[in-house]
């Protein structure tokens, strides 16, 4: 999560990339998340995340997304 006053600075994208890389190092081949529709379209989709389901959760429309990770990254 990035506080609103720190958004649009690249912090969010850097956090997502770090999580993706850490997951690969740990041997995971895919990740999943849920978010609001607008965030799915404007933030995650451009980074290669794909929508797989759009349910209502606790009265709100959300999007479940998946990212298939690339080849395994060796730890340094």
C-alpha atoms as a PDB file:
ATOM      1  CA  UNK A   1       0.000   0.000   0.000  1.00  0.00           C
ATOM      2  CA  UNK A   2       1.265   3.466  -0.865  1.00  0.00           C
ATOM      3  CA  UNK A   3      -0.150   6.485   0.939  1.00  0.00           C
ATOM      4  CA  UNK A   4      -2.047   8.866  -1.363  1.00  0.00           C
ATOM      5  CA  UNK A   5       0.488  11.683  -0.930  1.00  0.00           C
ATOM      6  CA  UNK A   6       3.291   9.368  -2.125  1.00  0.00           C
ATOM      7  CA  UNK A   7       1.526   7.997  -5.202  1.00  0.00           C
ATOM      8  CA  UNK A   8       2.689   8.657  -8.764  1.00  0.00           C
ATOM      9  CA  UNK A   9       6.314   8.613  -7.614  1.00  0.00           C
ATOM     10  CA  UNK A  10       7.211   5.087  -8.763  1.00  0.00           C
ATOM     11  CA  UNK A  11       7.126   3.615  -5.272  1.00  0.00           C
ATOM     12  CA  UNK A  12       4.136   1.375  -6.002  1.00  0.00           C
ATOM     13  CA  UNK A  13       5.643  -0.050  -9.183  1.00  0.00           C
ATOM     14  CA  UNK A  14       8.945  -0.645  -7.372  1.00  0.00           C
ATOM     15  CA  UNK A  15       7.125  -2.497  -4.572  1.00  0.00           C
ATOM     16  CA  UNK A  16       5.250  -4.690  -7.053  1.00  0.00           C
ATOM     17  CA  UNK A  17       8.475  -5.488  -8.925  1.00  0.00           C
ATOM     18  CA  UNK A  18      10.254  -6.361  -5.659  1.00  0.00           C
ATOM     19  CA  UNK A  19       7.439  -8.732  -4.677  1.00  0.00           C
ATOM     20  CA  UNK A  20       7.483 -10.371  -8.114  1.00  0.00           C
ATOM     21  CA  UNK A  21      11.253 -10.867  -7.947  1.00  0.00           C
ATOM     22  CA  UNK A  22      11.119 -12.225  -4.391  1.00  0.00           C
ATOM     23  CA  UNK A  23       8.386 -14.678  -5.391  1.00  0.00           C
ATOM     24  CA  UNK A  24      10.524 -15.917  -8.279  1.00  0.00           C
ATOM     25  CA  UNK A  25      13.542 -16.395  -6.010  1.00  0.00           C
ATOM     26  CA  UNK A  26      11.315 -18.452  -3.719  1.00  0.00           C
ATOM     27  CA  UNK A  27      10.294 -20.621  -6.676  1.00  0.00           C
ATOM     28  CA  UNK A  28       6.768 -19.341  -7.301  1.00  0.00           C
ATOM     29  CA  UNK A  29       5.562 -19.249 -10.884  1.00  0.00           C
ATOM     30  CA  UNK A  30       2.495 -17.041 -10.452  1.00  0.00           C
ATOM     31  CA  UNK A  31       0.964 -14.448  -8.146  1.00  0.00           C
ATOM     32  CA  UNK A  32      -2.614 -13.329  -7.504  1.00  0.00           C
ATOM     33  CA  UNK A  33      -4.152 -10.162  -6.093  1.00  0.00           C
ATOM     34  CA  UNK A  34      -7.453  -8.353  -5.807  1.00  0.00           C
ATOM     35  CA  UNK A  35      -8.035  -4.660  -6.343  1.00  0.00           C
ATOM     36  CA  UNK A  36     -10.565  -2.103  -7.551  1.00  0.00           C
ATOM     37  CA  UNK A  37     -11.417  -2.059 -11.269  1.00  0.00           C
ATOM     38  CA  UNK A  38      -9.814   1.342 -11.887  1.00  0.00           C
ATOM     39  CA  UNK A  39      -6.584   0.279 -10.189  1.00  0.00           C
ATOM     40  CA  UNK A  40      -6.564  -2.967 -12.152  1.00  0.00           C
ATOM     41  CA  UNK A  41      -6.801  -1.128 -15.454  1.00  0.00           C
ATOM     42  CA  UNK A  42      -4.477   1.795 -14.775  1.00  0.00           C
ATOM     43  CA  UNK A  43      -1.841   0.339 -12.455  1.00  0.00           C
ATOM     44  CA  UNK A  44      -1.549  -3.455 -12.637  1.00  0.00           C
ATOM     45  CA  UNK A  45      -2.534  -4.256 -16.248  1.00  0.00           C
ATOM     46  CA  UNK A  46       0.305  -2.152 -17.733  1.00  0.00           C
ATOM     47  CA  UNK A  47       2.734  -4.189 -15.588  1.00  0.00           C
ATOM     48  CA  UNK A  48       1.549  -7.456 -17.113  1.00  0.00           C
ATOM     49  CA  UNK A  49      -1.147  -8.483 -14.655  1.00  0.00           C
ATOM     50  CA  UNK A  50      -4.275 -10.009 -16.178  1.00  0.00           C
ATOM     51  CA  UNK A  51      -7.851  -9.975 -14.933  1.00  0.00           C
ATOM     52  CA  UNK A  52      -9.201 -13.459 -14.243  1.00  0.00           C
ATOM     53  CA  UNK A  53     -12.416 -12.738 -12.311  1.00  0.00           C
ATOM     54  CA  UNK A  54     -14.479  -9.695 -11.305  1.00  0.00           C
ATOM     55  CA  UNK A  55     -16.656 -10.571  -8.295  1.00  0.00           C
ATOM     56  CA  UNK A  56     -18.403  -8.480  -5.672  1.00  0.00           C
ATOM     57  CA  UNK A  57     -16.690  -8.691  -2.291  1.00  0.00           C
ATOM     58  CA  UNK A  58     -18.263  -7.203   0.829  1.00  0.00           C
ATOM     59  CA  UNK A  59     -20.557  -5.121  -1.370  1.00  0.00           C
ATOM     60  CA  UNK A  60     -17.795  -3.742  -3.607  1.00  0.00           C
ATOM     61  CA  UNK A  61     -16.798  -4.669  -7.131  1.00  0.00           C
ATOM     62  CA  UNK A  62     -13.248  -6.002  -7.184  1.00  0.00           C
ATOM     63  CA  UNK A  63     -10.962  -7.610  -9.730  1.00  0.00           C
ATOM     64  CA  UNK A  64      -8.916 -10.761  -9.146  1.00  0.00           C
ATOM     65  CA  UNK A  65      -5.693 -10.594 -11.141  1.00  0.00           C
ATOM     66  CA  UNK A  66      -2.907 -13.006 -11.971  1.00  0.00           C
ATOM     67  CA  UNK A  67       0.714 -12.519 -12.987  1.00  0.00           C
ATOM     68  CA  UNK A  68       2.609 -15.425 -14.496  1.00  0.00           C
ATOM     69  CA  UNK A  69       6.221 -14.907 -13.549  1.00  0.00           C
ATOM     70  CA  UNK A  70       9.171 -15.359 -15.898  1.00  0.00           C
ATOM     71  CA  UNK A  71      11.990 -17.823 -15.489  1.00  0.00           C
ATOM     72  CA  UNK A  72      13.407 -18.455 -12.037  1.00  0.00           C
ATOM     73  CA  UNK A  73      15.778 -15.727 -10.817  1.00  0.00           C
ATOM     74  CA  UNK A  74      18.820 -16.919  -8.916  1.00  0.00           C
ATOM     75  CA  UNK A  75      19.444 -15.383  -5.531  1.00  0.00           C
ATOM     76  CA  UNK A  76      22.497 -13.136  -5.393  1.00  0.00           C
END
